[in-house]
């Protein structure tokens, strides 16, 4: 994080005469943000899935919290979703090629839907969609790359993203969106199930994917992550609320699928 870099430089500057208290104070602040001390505890919020079709979670709070390895940027319970239609359509990790254009992945350009009714409070959509980082050499190198991305703050990590105020002090963030695909802007009202953007490959991601996370603040820099589950029927079954597990492809059902109570889903937007 930028604060961690600043703290490290301030501590090194102690050898040049800068007060050690400055570096120490910055380090404490950086650790507080990175570890997100005082994480909010709430019952899970019920949301709609932001995608449709056959997808897979690369990261999921079902298998570990924090799901991304850090509480920073409100990502304690974040989901990272990639399209997995089967039949080798999604390129797997390997040694070559070193990178691929985002269009080689089935998730790229897929519609992204609003998980709940709300108001858009932030919209960032100008970052370019970079090539994939899903080769072994790039995966190792991306550790340094993502550290440099963090110098830009949340936008460097999350890429193009939307933040939607869904009420009750909760905000949904949809990240790694495609440049130029945002169909809504700040101040717009959205309905659950409404298409709001398309999947991209912006920010700190190895391949085109959709990041979805619930937070207690509109700015990811100051937000704590909040737990969320998908409404009953998200997988076409009536077995209750839940989320996909990591590395297990699931068919995400459209609203009105079997198991979804009639009259409880908002209509799809055209």
C-alpha atoms as a PDB file:
ATOM      1  CA  UNK A   1       0.000   0.000   0.000  1.00  0.00           C
ATOM      2  CA  UNK A   2       1.140   3.602  -0.510  1.00  0.00           C
ATOM      3  CA  UNK A   3       1.081   4.168   3.257  1.00  0.00           C
ATOM      4  CA  UNK A   4       3.351   1.179   3.794  1.00  0.00           C
ATOM      5  CA  UNK A   5       5.787   2.522   1.219  1.00  0.00           C
ATOM      6  CA  UNK A   6       5.723   5.949   2.882  1.00  0.00           C
ATOM      7  CA  UNK A   7       6.322   4.387   6.308  1.00  0.00           C
ATOM      8  CA  UNK A   8       9.249   2.358   5.000  1.00  0.00           C
ATOM      9  CA  UNK A   9      10.868   5.417   3.417  1.00  0.00           C
ATOM     10  CA  UNK A  10      10.298   7.461   6.575  1.00  0.00           C
ATOM     11  CA  UNK A  11      11.949   4.772   8.696  1.00  0.00           C
ATOM     12  CA  UNK A  12      14.939   4.636   6.340  1.00  0.00           C
ATOM     13  CA  UNK A  13      15.115   8.426   6.496  1.00  0.00           C
ATOM     14  CA  UNK A  14      15.648   8.050  10.230  1.00  0.00           C
ATOM     15  CA  UNK A  15      19.274   7.303   9.410  1.00  0.00           C
ATOM     16  CA  UNK A  16      19.444  10.717   7.745  1.00  0.00           C
ATOM     17  CA  UNK A  17      18.118  12.612  10.726  1.00  0.00           C
ATOM     18  CA  UNK A  18      14.334  12.396  10.330  1.00  0.00           C
ATOM     19  CA  UNK A  19      12.567  11.709  13.614  1.00  0.00           C
ATOM     20  CA  UNK A  20      11.909   7.995  14.166  1.00  0.00           C
ATOM     21  CA  UNK A  21       8.498   8.947  15.518  1.00  0.00           C
ATOM     22  CA  UNK A  22       7.390   9.997  12.026  1.00  0.00           C
ATOM     23  CA  UNK A  23       8.214   6.627  10.496  1.00  0.00           C
ATOM     24  CA  UNK A  24       6.796   4.762  13.491  1.00  0.00           C
ATOM     25  CA  UNK A  25       3.505   6.652  13.358  1.00  0.00           C
ATOM     26  CA  UNK A  26       3.158   6.055   9.608  1.00  0.00           C
ATOM     27  CA  UNK A  27       3.914   2.351  10.084  1.00  0.00           C
ATOM     28  CA  UNK A  28       1.215   1.995  12.739  1.00  0.00           C
ATOM     29  CA  UNK A  29      -1.273   3.772  10.464  1.00  0.00           C
ATOM     30  CA  UNK A  30      -0.307   1.623   7.468  1.00  0.00           C
ATOM     31  CA  UNK A  31      -0.716  -1.589   9.449  1.00  0.00           C
ATOM     32  CA  UNK A  32      -4.093  -0.440  10.750  1.00  0.00           C
ATOM     33  CA  UNK A  33      -5.332   0.109   7.190  1.00  0.00           C
ATOM     34  CA  UNK A  34      -3.736  -3.062   5.786  1.00  0.00           C
ATOM     35  CA  UNK A  35      -5.008  -5.326   8.566  1.00  0.00           C
ATOM     36  CA  UNK A  36      -8.257  -3.337   8.843  1.00  0.00           C
ATOM     37  CA  UNK A  37      -8.325  -3.347  12.644  1.00  0.00           C
ATOM     38  CA  UNK A  38     -11.855  -3.090  13.974  1.00  0.00           C
ATOM     39  CA  UNK A  39     -13.443  -5.010  11.103  1.00  0.00           C
ATOM     40  CA  UNK A  40     -17.220  -4.642  11.152  1.00  0.00           C
ATOM     41  CA  UNK A  41     -19.218  -7.736  12.117  1.00  0.00           C
ATOM     42  CA  UNK A  42     -22.713  -8.076  10.644  1.00  0.00           C
ATOM     43  CA  UNK A  43     -25.120 -10.725   9.467  1.00  0.00           C
ATOM     44  CA  UNK A  44     -24.611 -11.475   5.747  1.00  0.00           C
ATOM     45  CA  UNK A  45     -26.486  -9.245   3.316  1.00  0.00           C
ATOM     46  CA  UNK A  46     -28.508 -11.060   0.648  1.00  0.00           C
ATOM     47  CA  UNK A  47     -27.567  -9.989  -2.889  1.00  0.00           C
ATOM     48  CA  UNK A  48     -28.122 -11.114  -6.463  1.00  0.00           C
ATOM     49  CA  UNK A  49     -25.198 -12.636  -8.377  1.00  0.00           C
ATOM     50  CA  UNK A  50     -23.592 -10.133 -10.785  1.00  0.00           C
ATOM     51  CA  UNK A  51     -23.131 -12.700 -13.571  1.00  0.00           C
ATOM     52  CA  UNK A  52     -25.121 -15.334 -15.453  1.00  0.00           C
ATOM     53  CA  UNK A  53     -24.056 -18.646 -16.933  1.00  0.00           C
ATOM     54  CA  UNK A  54     -21.240 -21.012 -15.964  1.00  0.00           C
ATOM     55  CA  UNK A  55     -18.651 -19.266 -13.793  1.00  0.00           C
ATOM     56  CA  UNK A  56     -15.995 -20.170 -11.257  1.00  0.00           C
ATOM     57  CA  UNK A  57     -14.655 -18.364  -8.190  1.00  0.00           C
ATOM     58  CA  UNK A  58     -10.905 -17.814  -8.111  1.00  0.00           C
ATOM     59  CA  UNK A  59     -11.310 -16.351  -4.621  1.00  0.00           C
ATOM     60  CA  UNK A  60     -14.240 -16.847  -2.261  1.00  0.00           C
ATOM     61  CA  UNK A  61     -14.927 -16.237   1.451  1.00  0.00           C
ATOM     62  CA  UNK A  62     -16.448 -19.728   1.548  1.00  0.00           C
ATOM     63  CA  UNK A  63     -12.918 -21.144   1.631  1.00  0.00           C
ATOM     64  CA  UNK A  64     -11.156 -18.525   3.739  1.00  0.00           C
ATOM     65  CA  UNK A  65     -11.376 -15.008   5.156  1.00  0.00           C
ATOM     66  CA  UNK A  66      -9.941 -12.639   4.107  1.00  0.00           C
ATOM     67  CA  UNK A  67     -10.613 -14.161   0.716  1.00  0.00           C
ATOM     68  CA  UNK A  68      -7.975 -12.047  -1.084  1.00  0.00           C
ATOM     69  CA  UNK A  69      -5.380 -12.411   1.662  1.00  0.00           C
ATOM     70  CA  UNK A  70      -5.945  -8.900   3.002  1.00  0.00           C
ATOM     71  CA  UNK A  71      -8.656  -6.845   4.678  1.00  0.00           C
ATOM     72  CA  UNK A  72      -7.497  -3.700   2.859  1.00  0.00           C
ATOM     73  CA  UNK A  73      -9.721  -1.934   0.311  1.00  0.00           C
ATOM     74  CA  UNK A  74     -12.868  -3.509   1.797  1.00  0.00           C
ATOM     75  CA  UNK A  75     -12.047  -6.876   0.223  1.00  0.00           C
ATOM     76  CA  UNK A  76     -12.386  -9.128   3.282  1.00  0.00           C
ATOM     77  CA  UNK A  77     -15.248 -11.101   1.721  1.00  0.00           C
ATOM     78  CA  UNK A  78     -14.560 -10.391  -1.967  1.00  0.00           C
ATOM     79  CA  UNK A  79     -15.413 -12.798  -4.775  1.00  0.00           C
ATOM     80  CA  UNK A  80     -13.304 -13.016  -7.942  1.00  0.00           C
ATOM     81  CA  UNK A  81     -15.331 -14.666 -10.725  1.00  0.00           C
ATOM     82  CA  UNK A  82     -14.168 -15.995 -14.107  1.00  0.00           C
ATOM     83  CA  UNK A  83     -16.314 -17.487 -16.872  1.00  0.00           C
ATOM     84  CA  UNK A  84     -15.739 -21.244 -17.200  1.00  0.00           C
ATOM     85  CA  UNK A  85     -17.972 -22.542 -20.010  1.00  0.00           C
ATOM     86  CA  UNK A  86     -15.982 -25.793 -20.228  1.00  0.00           C
ATOM     87  CA  UNK A  87     -14.437 -27.584 -23.172  1.00  0.00           C
ATOM     88  CA  UNK A  88     -11.126 -25.739 -22.882  1.00  0.00           C
ATOM     89  CA  UNK A  89     -12.698 -22.390 -23.725  1.00  0.00           C
ATOM     90  CA  UNK A  90     -10.832 -20.693 -20.876  1.00  0.00           C
ATOM     91  CA  UNK A  91      -7.023 -20.757 -21.281  1.00  0.00           C
ATOM     92  CA  UNK A  92      -5.296 -22.444 -18.360  1.00  0.00           C
ATOM     93  CA  UNK A  93      -2.089 -21.408 -16.577  1.00  0.00           C
ATOM     94  CA  UNK A  94       1.080 -22.489 -18.385  1.00  0.00           C
ATOM     95  CA  UNK A  95       4.566 -21.423 -19.359  1.00  0.00           C
ATOM     96  CA  UNK A  96       3.610 -20.138 -22.787  1.00  0.00           C
ATOM     97  CA  UNK A  97       2.417 -17.853 -24.118  1.00  0.00           C
ATOM     98  CA  UNK A  98       3.582 -15.345 -21.520  1.00  0.00           C
ATOM     99  CA  UNK A  99       0.391 -13.331 -21.931  1.00  0.00           C
ATOM    100  CA  UNK A 100      -2.757 -13.294 -24.006  1.00  0.00           C
ATOM    101  CA  UNK A 101      -5.126 -10.578 -25.207  1.00  0.00           C
ATOM    102  CA  UNK A 102      -8.178 -10.309 -22.946  1.00  0.00           C
ATOM    103  CA  UNK A 103     -10.452 -11.357 -25.788  1.00  0.00           C
ATOM    104  CA  UNK A 104      -9.011 -14.884 -25.562  1.00  0.00           C
ATOM    105  CA  UNK A 105     -10.949 -15.407 -22.329  1.00  0.00           C
ATOM    106  CA  UNK A 106     -14.689 -16.153 -22.297  1.00  0.00           C
ATOM    107  CA  UNK A 107     -15.376 -13.747 -19.423  1.00  0.00           C
ATOM    108  CA  UNK A 108     -14.202 -10.682 -21.356  1.00  0.00           C
ATOM    109  CA  UNK A 109     -17.125  -8.541 -22.422  1.00  0.00           C
ATOM    110  CA  UNK A 110     -19.754 -10.578 -20.557  1.00  0.00           C
ATOM    111  CA  UNK A 111     -22.569  -8.516 -18.976  1.00  0.00           C
ATOM    112  CA  UNK A 112     -22.276  -7.538 -15.328  1.00  0.00           C
ATOM    113  CA  UNK A 113     -25.506  -7.017 -13.385  1.00  0.00           C
ATOM    114  CA  UNK A 114     -26.381  -4.901 -10.350  1.00  0.00           C
ATOM    115  CA  UNK A 115     -26.574  -7.167  -7.262  1.00  0.00           C
ATOM    116  CA  UNK A 116     -29.208  -4.976  -5.551  1.00  0.00           C
ATOM    117  CA  UNK A 117     -31.325  -1.868  -5.914  1.00  0.00           C
ATOM    118  CA  UNK A 118     -29.346   1.265  -5.156  1.00  0.00           C
ATOM    119  CA  UNK A 119     -27.650   4.464  -6.272  1.00  0.00           C
ATOM    120  CA  UNK A 120     -24.288   4.660  -8.028  1.00  0.00           C
ATOM    121  CA  UNK A 121     -21.903   6.717  -5.878  1.00  0.00           C
ATOM    122  CA  UNK A 122     -18.661   6.102  -7.784  1.00  0.00           C
ATOM    123  CA  UNK A 123     -17.882   5.160 -11.380  1.00  0.00           C
ATOM    124  CA  UNK A 124     -14.384   4.703 -12.818  1.00  0.00           C
ATOM    125  CA  UNK A 125     -14.129   3.409 -16.377  1.00  0.00           C
ATOM    126  CA  UNK A 126     -11.060   4.775 -18.200  1.00  0.00           C
ATOM    127  CA  UNK A 127      -8.319   2.270 -17.386  1.00  0.00           C
ATOM    128  CA  UNK A 128      -7.168   0.099 -20.251  1.00  0.00           C
ATOM    129  CA  UNK A 129      -7.744  -3.646 -20.278  1.00  0.00           C
ATOM    130  CA  UNK A 130      -4.272  -5.182 -20.080  1.00  0.00           C
ATOM    131  CA  UNK A 131      -3.096  -8.545 -21.375  1.00  0.00           C
ATOM    132  CA  UNK A 132      -3.407 -11.623 -19.172  1.00  0.00           C
ATOM    133  CA  UNK A 133      -0.977 -12.534 -16.409  1.00  0.00           C
ATOM    134  CA  UNK A 134      -1.897 -16.218 -16.285  1.00  0.00           C
ATOM    135  CA  UNK A 135       1.470 -17.720 -17.229  1.00  0.00           C
ATOM    136  CA  UNK A 136       3.856 -18.919 -14.539  1.00  0.00           C
ATOM    137  CA  UNK A 137       6.518 -16.247 -15.251  1.00  0.00           C
ATOM    138  CA  UNK A 138       3.914 -13.465 -15.170  1.00  0.00           C
ATOM    139  CA  UNK A 139       2.309 -14.801 -11.985  1.00  0.00           C
ATOM    140  CA  UNK A 140       5.641 -14.502 -10.195  1.00  0.00           C
ATOM    141  CA  UNK A 141       6.274 -11.077 -11.679  1.00  0.00           C
ATOM    142  CA  UNK A 142       2.790  -9.809 -10.849  1.00  0.00           C
ATOM    143  CA  UNK A 143       3.735  -9.641  -7.156  1.00  0.00           C
ATOM    144  CA  UNK A 144       5.961  -6.664  -7.935  1.00  0.00           C
ATOM    145  CA  UNK A 145       3.554  -5.308 -10.544  1.00  0.00           C
ATOM    146  CA  UNK A 146       0.639  -5.271  -8.102  1.00  0.00           C
ATOM    147  CA  UNK A 147       2.780  -3.571  -5.476  1.00  0.00           C
ATOM    148  CA  UNK A 148       3.424  -0.779  -7.961  1.00  0.00           C
ATOM    149  CA  UNK A 149      -0.274  -0.675  -8.845  1.00  0.00           C
ATOM    150  CA  UNK A 150      -1.078  -0.003  -5.203  1.00  0.00           C
ATOM    151  CA  UNK A 151       0.823   3.260  -5.408  1.00  0.00           C
ATOM    152  CA  UNK A 152      -2.233   4.531  -7.311  1.00  0.00           C
ATOM    153  CA  UNK A 153      -4.514   3.589  -4.430  1.00  0.00           C
ATOM    154  CA  UNK A 154      -7.729   1.545  -4.742  1.00  0.00           C
ATOM    155  CA  UNK A 155      -8.221   2.274  -8.453  1.00  0.00           C
ATOM    156  CA  UNK A 156      -4.842   0.742  -9.227  1.00  0.00           C
ATOM    157  CA  UNK A 157      -5.923  -2.516  -7.602  1.00  0.00           C
ATOM    158  CA  UNK A 158      -9.603  -2.633  -8.526  1.00  0.00           C
ATOM    159  CA  UNK A 159      -9.318  -1.221 -12.032  1.00  0.00           C
ATOM    160  CA  UNK A 160     -12.471   0.149 -13.623  1.00  0.00           C
ATOM    161  CA  UNK A 161     -15.201  -0.172 -11.023  1.00  0.00           C
ATOM    162  CA  UNK A 162     -18.618   0.862  -9.818  1.00  0.00           C
ATOM    163  CA  UNK A 163     -19.707   1.471  -6.229  1.00  0.00           C
ATOM    164  CA  UNK A 164     -23.441   1.219  -5.520  1.00  0.00           C
ATOM    165  CA  UNK A 165     -25.075   2.436  -2.304  1.00  0.00           C
ATOM    166  CA  UNK A 166     -27.533  -0.359  -1.503  1.00  0.00           C
ATOM    167  CA  UNK A 167     -28.807   1.155   1.754  1.00  0.00           C
ATOM    168  CA  UNK A 168     -28.338   0.297   5.394  1.00  0.00           C
ATOM    169  CA  UNK A 169     -24.783   1.611   5.399  1.00  0.00           C
ATOM    170  CA  UNK A 170     -23.664  -0.944   2.780  1.00  0.00           C
ATOM    171  CA  UNK A 171     -22.015  -0.451  -0.600  1.00  0.00           C
ATOM    172  CA  UNK A 172     -21.468  -2.990  -3.389  1.00  0.00           C
ATOM    173  CA  UNK A 173     -18.306  -2.690  -5.454  1.00  0.00           C
ATOM    174  CA  UNK A 174     -18.012  -4.283  -8.909  1.00  0.00           C
ATOM    175  CA  UNK A 175     -14.412  -4.278 -10.125  1.00  0.00           C
ATOM    176  CA  UNK A 176     -12.069  -5.173 -13.039  1.00  0.00           C
ATOM    177  CA  UNK A 177     -14.665  -3.884 -15.515  1.00  0.00           C
ATOM    178  CA  UNK A 178     -14.053  -3.292 -19.215  1.00  0.00           C
ATOM    179  CA  UNK A 179     -12.972   0.165 -20.272  1.00  0.00           C
ATOM    180  CA  UNK A 180     -15.822   2.117 -21.812  1.00  0.00           C
ATOM    181  CA  UNK A 181     -18.464  -0.444 -20.819  1.00  0.00           C
ATOM    182  CA  UNK A 182     -20.051   1.342 -17.869  1.00  0.00           C
ATOM    183  CA  UNK A 183     -23.733   1.833 -18.679  1.00  0.00           C
ATOM    184  CA  UNK A 184     -24.450   3.949 -15.585  1.00  0.00           C
ATOM    185  CA  UNK A 185     -22.803   6.902 -13.891  1.00  0.00           C
ATOM    186  CA  UNK A 186     -22.600   8.582 -10.552  1.00  0.00           C
ATOM    187  CA  UNK A 187     -26.041   9.514  -9.227  1.00  0.00           C
ATOM    188  CA  UNK A 188     -27.935   6.970 -11.345  1.00  0.00           C
ATOM    189  CA  UNK A 189     -30.479   4.686  -9.717  1.00  0.00           C
ATOM    190  CA  UNK A 190     -30.148   1.011 -10.597  1.00  0.00           C
ATOM    191  CA  UNK A 191     -32.350  -2.021 -10.036  1.00  0.00           C
ATOM    192  CA  UNK A 192     -31.249  -5.498  -9.021  1.00  0.00           C
ATOM    193  CA  UNK A 193     -30.507  -7.492 -12.175  1.00  0.00           C
ATOM    194  CA  UNK A 194     -29.966  -4.437 -14.367  1.00  0.00           C
ATOM    195  CA  UNK A 195     -26.926  -4.652 -16.699  1.00  0.00           C
ATOM    196  CA  UNK A 196     -24.497  -1.959 -15.544  1.00  0.00           C
ATOM    197  CA  UNK A 197     -21.175  -2.832 -17.245  1.00  0.00           C
ATOM    198  CA  UNK A 198     -19.154  -5.604 -18.856  1.00  0.00           C
ATOM    199  CA  UNK A 199     -16.406  -7.830 -17.545  1.00  0.00           C
ATOM    200  CA  UNK A 200     -12.910  -6.543 -18.245  1.00  0.00           C
ATOM    201  CA  UNK A 201      -9.277  -7.056 -17.372  1.00  0.00           C
ATOM    202  CA  UNK A 202      -8.342  -3.825 -15.625  1.00  0.00           C
ATOM    203  CA  UNK A 203      -6.467  -3.417 -12.360  1.00  0.00           C
ATOM    204  CA  UNK A 204      -4.648  -6.115 -10.407  1.00  0.00           C
ATOM    205  CA  UNK A 205      -6.072  -9.248 -12.018  1.00  0.00           C
ATOM    206  CA  UNK A 206      -4.475 -12.132 -13.879  1.00  0.00           C
ATOM    207  CA  UNK A 207      -7.268 -12.551 -16.432  1.00  0.00           C
ATOM    208  CA  UNK A 208     -10.702 -11.068 -17.245  1.00  0.00           C
ATOM    209  CA  UNK A 209     -12.898 -11.448 -14.189  1.00  0.00           C
ATOM    210  CA  UNK A 210     -15.599  -9.778 -12.116  1.00  0.00           C
ATOM    211  CA  UNK A 211     -14.771  -8.627  -8.603  1.00  0.00           C
ATOM    212  CA  UNK A 212     -17.759  -8.196  -6.273  1.00  0.00           C
ATOM    213  CA  UNK A 213     -17.528  -7.140  -2.648  1.00  0.00           C
ATOM    214  CA  UNK A 214     -19.730  -5.545   0.009  1.00  0.00           C
ATOM    215  CA  UNK A 215     -18.302  -2.685   2.108  1.00  0.00           C
ATOM    216  CA  UNK A 216     -19.323  -0.294   4.888  1.00  0.00           C
ATOM    217  CA  UNK A 217     -17.973   2.828   3.116  1.00  0.00           C
ATOM    218  CA  UNK A 218     -18.175   4.155  -0.427  1.00  0.00           C
ATOM    219  CA  UNK A 219     -14.405   4.638  -0.640  1.00  0.00           C
ATOM    220  CA  UNK A 220     -12.519   1.308  -0.634  1.00  0.00           C
ATOM    221  CA  UNK A 221      -9.499   2.971   0.998  1.00  0.00           C
ATOM    222  CA  UNK A 222     -11.473   3.497   4.208  1.00  0.00           C
ATOM    223  CA  UNK A 223     -13.923   0.600   3.920  1.00  0.00           C
ATOM    224  CA  UNK A 224     -14.279  -2.570   5.936  1.00  0.00           C
ATOM    225  CA  UNK A 225     -15.542  -5.620   4.106  1.00  0.00           C
ATOM    226  CA  UNK A 226     -19.010  -6.928   4.929  1.00  0.00           C
ATOM    227  CA  UNK A 227     -20.265 -10.501   4.434  1.00  0.00           C
ATOM    228  CA  UNK A 228     -22.791 -11.249   1.712  1.00  0.00           C
ATOM    229  CA  UNK A 229     -24.592 -14.268   0.274  1.00  0.00           C
ATOM    230  CA  UNK A 230     -26.477 -14.802  -2.947  1.00  0.00           C
ATOM    231  CA  UNK A 231     -30.251 -15.136  -2.799  1.00  0.00           C
ATOM    232  CA  UNK A 232     -31.929 -18.569  -2.924  1.00  0.00           C
ATOM    233  CA  UNK A 233     -32.116 -19.888  -6.456  1.00  0.00           C
ATOM    234  CA  UNK A 234     -28.790 -18.438  -7.584  1.00  0.00           C
ATOM    235  CA  UNK A 235     -27.785 -21.888  -8.839  1.00  0.00           C
ATOM    236  CA  UNK A 236     -31.269 -22.887 -10.009  1.00  0.00           C
ATOM    237  CA  UNK A 237     -31.958 -24.794  -6.801  1.00  0.00           C
ATOM    238  CA  UNK A 238     -34.174 -24.019  -3.827  1.00  0.00           C
ATOM    239  CA  UNK A 239     -31.606 -24.995  -1.218  1.00  0.00           C
ATOM    240  CA  UNK A 240     -31.144 -21.535   0.252  1.00  0.00           C
ATOM    241  CA  UNK A 241     -28.643 -18.717   0.226  1.00  0.00           C
ATOM    242  CA  UNK A 242     -24.978 -19.291  -0.532  1.00  0.00           C
ATOM    243  CA  UNK A 243     -21.862 -18.507  -2.528  1.00  0.00           C
ATOM    244  CA  UNK A 244     -19.721 -20.520  -4.955  1.00  0.00           C
ATOM    245  CA  UNK A 245     -16.632 -22.280  -3.644  1.00  0.00           C
ATOM    246  CA  UNK A 246     -13.231 -21.665  -5.201  1.00  0.00           C
ATOM    247  CA  UNK A 247     -12.221 -23.680  -8.280  1.00  0.00           C
ATOM    248  CA  UNK A 248     -15.644 -25.330  -8.560  1.00  0.00           C
ATOM    249  CA  UNK A 249     -17.510 -24.211 -11.701  1.00  0.00           C
ATOM    250  CA  UNK A 250     -21.187 -23.524 -11.074  1.00  0.00           C
ATOM    251  CA  UNK A 251     -24.126 -22.582 -13.269  1.00  0.00           C
ATOM    252  CA  UNK A 252     -25.404 -19.215 -12.064  1.00  0.00           C
ATOM    253  CA  UNK A 253     -29.120 -19.114 -12.794  1.00  0.00           C
ATOM    254  CA  UNK A 254     -30.959 -16.158 -14.269  1.00  0.00           C
ATOM    255  CA  UNK A 255     -33.779 -14.584 -12.228  1.00  0.00           C
ATOM    256  CA  UNK A 256     -36.952 -16.625 -12.358  1.00  0.00           C
ATOM    257  CA  UNK A 257     -35.087 -19.938 -12.541  1.00  0.00           C
ATOM    258  CA  UNK A 258     -36.267 -22.972 -10.649  1.00  0.00           C
ATOM    259  CA  UNK A 259     -36.120 -22.424  -6.915  1.00  0.00           C
ATOM    260  CA  UNK A 260     -36.578 -18.657  -7.015  1.00  0.00           C
ATOM    261  CA  UNK A 261     -39.846 -17.642  -5.335  1.00  0.00           C
ATOM    262  CA  UNK A 262     -42.216 -16.021  -7.790  1.00  0.00           C
ATOM    263  CA  UNK A 263     -42.642 -12.296  -7.401  1.00  0.00           C
ATOM    264  CA  UNK A 264     -39.430 -11.825  -5.406  1.00  0.00           C
ATOM    265  CA  UNK A 265     -37.088 -11.008  -8.275  1.00  0.00           C
ATOM    266  CA  UNK A 266     -36.867  -7.708 -10.091  1.00  0.00           C
ATOM    267  CA  UNK A 267     -37.419  -7.985 -13.877  1.00  0.00           C
ATOM    268  CA  UNK A 268     -34.391  -8.100 -16.139  1.00  0.00           C
ATOM    269  CA  UNK A 269     -33.501  -4.957 -18.011  1.00  0.00           C
ATOM    270  CA  UNK A 270     -33.347  -5.199 -21.793  1.00  0.00           C
END
